[in-house]
Protein backbone atom coordinates (compact mmCIF):
# COMPACT_ATOMS: atom_id res chain seq x y z
CA UNK A 1 -14.00 -43.34 -12.59
CA UNK A 2 -10.92 -45.38 -12.89
CA UNK A 3 -9.79 -45.50 -9.22
CA UNK A 4 -10.08 -47.40 -6.64
CA UNK A 5 -12.24 -44.85 -4.66
CA UNK A 6 -15.25 -44.77 -7.28
CA UNK A 7 -18.02 -46.60 -5.11
CA UNK A 8 -17.04 -43.36 -2.49
CA UNK A 9 -17.72 -40.66 -5.23
CA UNK A 10 -21.50 -40.27 -5.35
CA UNK A 11 -23.65 -37.49 -7.51
CA UNK A 12 -24.51 -36.47 -3.95
CA UNK A 13 -21.57 -34.87 -3.34
CA UNK A 14 -22.19 -31.86 -5.44
CA UNK A 15 -24.80 -30.61 -3.19
CA UNK A 16 -22.73 -29.60 -0.37
CA UNK A 17 -22.79 -26.99 0.70
CA UNK A 18 -25.82 -25.42 -0.25
CA UNK A 19 -26.02 -22.13 -2.21
CA UNK A 20 -26.77 -19.15 0.37
CA UNK A 21 -29.60 -17.90 -2.34
CA UNK A 22 -32.36 -19.05 -4.38
CA UNK A 23 -34.66 -17.88 -6.91
CA UNK A 24 -38.00 -18.90 -5.29
CA UNK A 25 -38.95 -21.24 -1.68
CA UNK A 26 -39.53 -24.10 -3.32
CA UNK A 27 -35.78 -24.54 -4.78
CA UNK A 28 -34.07 -25.30 -2.23
CA UNK A 29 -36.45 -28.24 -1.94
CA UNK A 30 -35.98 -29.22 -5.21
CA UNK A 31 -32.33 -29.20 -4.55
CA UNK A 32 -32.79 -31.83 -1.51
CA UNK A 33 -34.70 -33.71 -3.78
CA UNK A 34 -32.20 -33.91 -6.20
CA UNK A 35 -29.47 -34.79 -3.98
CA UNK A 36 -32.00 -37.65 -2.25
CA UNK A 37 -32.31 -39.06 -5.45
CA UNK A 38 -29.19 -38.80 -6.59
CA UNK A 39 -27.29 -40.22 -2.95
CA UNK A 40 -26.14 -43.35 -4.27
CA UNK A 41 -25.75 -43.21 -8.22
CA UNK A 42 -21.95 -43.25 -8.62
CA UNK A 43 -20.68 -39.48 -10.53
CA UNK A 44 -20.37 -40.81 -14.38
CA UNK A 45 -17.19 -40.76 -15.81
CA UNK A 46 -18.06 -38.12 -18.21
CA UNK A 47 -19.30 -34.33 -17.65
CA UNK A 48 -21.80 -34.63 -20.50
CA UNK A 49 -23.01 -37.44 -18.94
CA UNK A 50 -23.26 -35.83 -14.75
CA UNK A 51 -25.16 -32.75 -16.53
CA UNK A 52 -27.37 -35.22 -18.60
CA UNK A 53 -28.34 -36.71 -15.17
CA UNK A 54 -29.14 -33.87 -13.61
CA UNK A 55 -31.06 -32.85 -15.79
CA UNK A 56 -32.80 -35.90 -16.57
CA UNK A 57 -33.63 -36.14 -13.04
CA UNK A 58 -35.17 -32.63 -12.23
CA UNK A 59 -37.11 -33.31 -15.34
CA UNK A 60 -38.67 -36.13 -13.43
CA UNK A 61 -38.73 -34.15 -10.28
CA UNK A 62 -39.98 -31.46 -11.33
CA UNK A 63 -42.04 -32.54 -14.43
CA UNK A 64 -39.92 -29.41 -16.82
CA UNK A 65 -37.43 -29.54 -18.78
CA UNK A 66 -35.08 -27.14 -18.43
CA UNK A 67 -33.71 -27.05 -22.34
CA UNK A 68 -36.93 -26.63 -23.63
CA UNK A 69 -39.38 -25.32 -21.50
CA UNK A 70 -39.54 -21.86 -22.08
CA UNK A 71 -41.63 -20.97 -18.42
CA UNK A 72 -39.63 -19.13 -16.33
CA UNK A 73 -41.30 -20.49 -12.78
CA UNK A 74 -43.68 -23.29 -12.15
CA UNK A 75 -45.58 -24.14 -9.17
CA UNK A 76 -45.02 -28.26 -7.79
CA UNK A 77 -47.34 -29.09 -4.58
CA UNK A 78 -44.40 -31.42 -3.40
CA UNK A 79 -42.32 -28.21 -3.07
CA UNK A 80 -44.85 -26.20 -0.89
CA UNK A 81 -43.96 -25.89 2.60
CA UNK A 82 -45.07 -22.37 3.58
CA UNK A 83 -44.60 -19.22 2.63
CA UNK A 84 -45.57 -16.65 0.01
CA UNK A 85 -44.22 -18.26 -3.47
CA UNK A 86 -44.48 -21.95 -1.47
CA UNK A 87 -43.90 -24.49 -3.76
CA UNK A 88 -42.62 -22.17 -6.59
CA UNK A 89 -39.70 -23.14 -8.72
CA UNK A 90 -37.91 -21.04 -10.51
CA UNK A 91 -36.33 -22.40 -13.50
CA UNK A 92 -34.55 -19.25 -14.60
CA UNK A 93 -31.99 -19.58 -11.34
CA UNK A 94 -31.83 -23.29 -11.95
CA UNK A 95 -30.94 -22.67 -15.82
CA UNK A 96 -28.49 -19.39 -14.96
CA UNK A 97 -27.32 -20.33 -11.58
CA UNK A 98 -28.48 -23.98 -9.60
CA UNK A 99 -27.49 -26.06 -13.07
CA UNK A 100 -24.13 -24.94 -13.86
CA UNK A 101 -23.08 -24.65 -10.05
CA UNK A 102 -23.41 -28.62 -9.92
CA UNK A 103 -21.95 -28.81 -13.49
CA UNK A 104 -18.98 -26.49 -12.26
CA UNK A 105 -18.74 -29.21 -9.25
CA UNK A 106 -19.24 -32.15 -11.18
CA UNK A 107 -16.12 -30.56 -13.53
CA UNK A 108 -13.72 -29.87 -10.52
CA UNK A 109 -14.55 -33.49 -8.77
CA UNK A 110 -14.26 -35.36 -12.89
CA UNK A 111 -10.93 -33.01 -12.94
CA UNK A 112 -9.32 -34.25 -9.60
CA UNK A 113 -9.82 -37.96 -9.57
C-alpha cells in the first residue's frame, strides 16, 4: 500500500468482527489462529496476494489445501476445546463462507486505501 498509514493496516483487520455463525466447533479456533498468525503481517497490495496469503496460512495451520482437498471436514486436535464436534473444522464452511468473507473484507479495505 502506497500511503503513509500502510504499516497500521495489517491482515488482522480482516478478522474483526468474527462471524456470528460457524460450521463446526473448531472453526472459531482456526479463525483466531489465522488472525493471530497474521496479526503483524501488512495487508498485501492486491486482492489476489491477500487471498493467497489467507489460503497458505490456513493450509499451514490446518494442514489442508482448501482448493485441492475434496474433504468436507477434518479433525485437528489443536482446535479441540470441548463439545461433541470439538476439533472438527468445516472445510465446506471455510470454502463457501469464511474465506469469501475475508476476501470481501480485503477487497473493501484495499479499495478504501
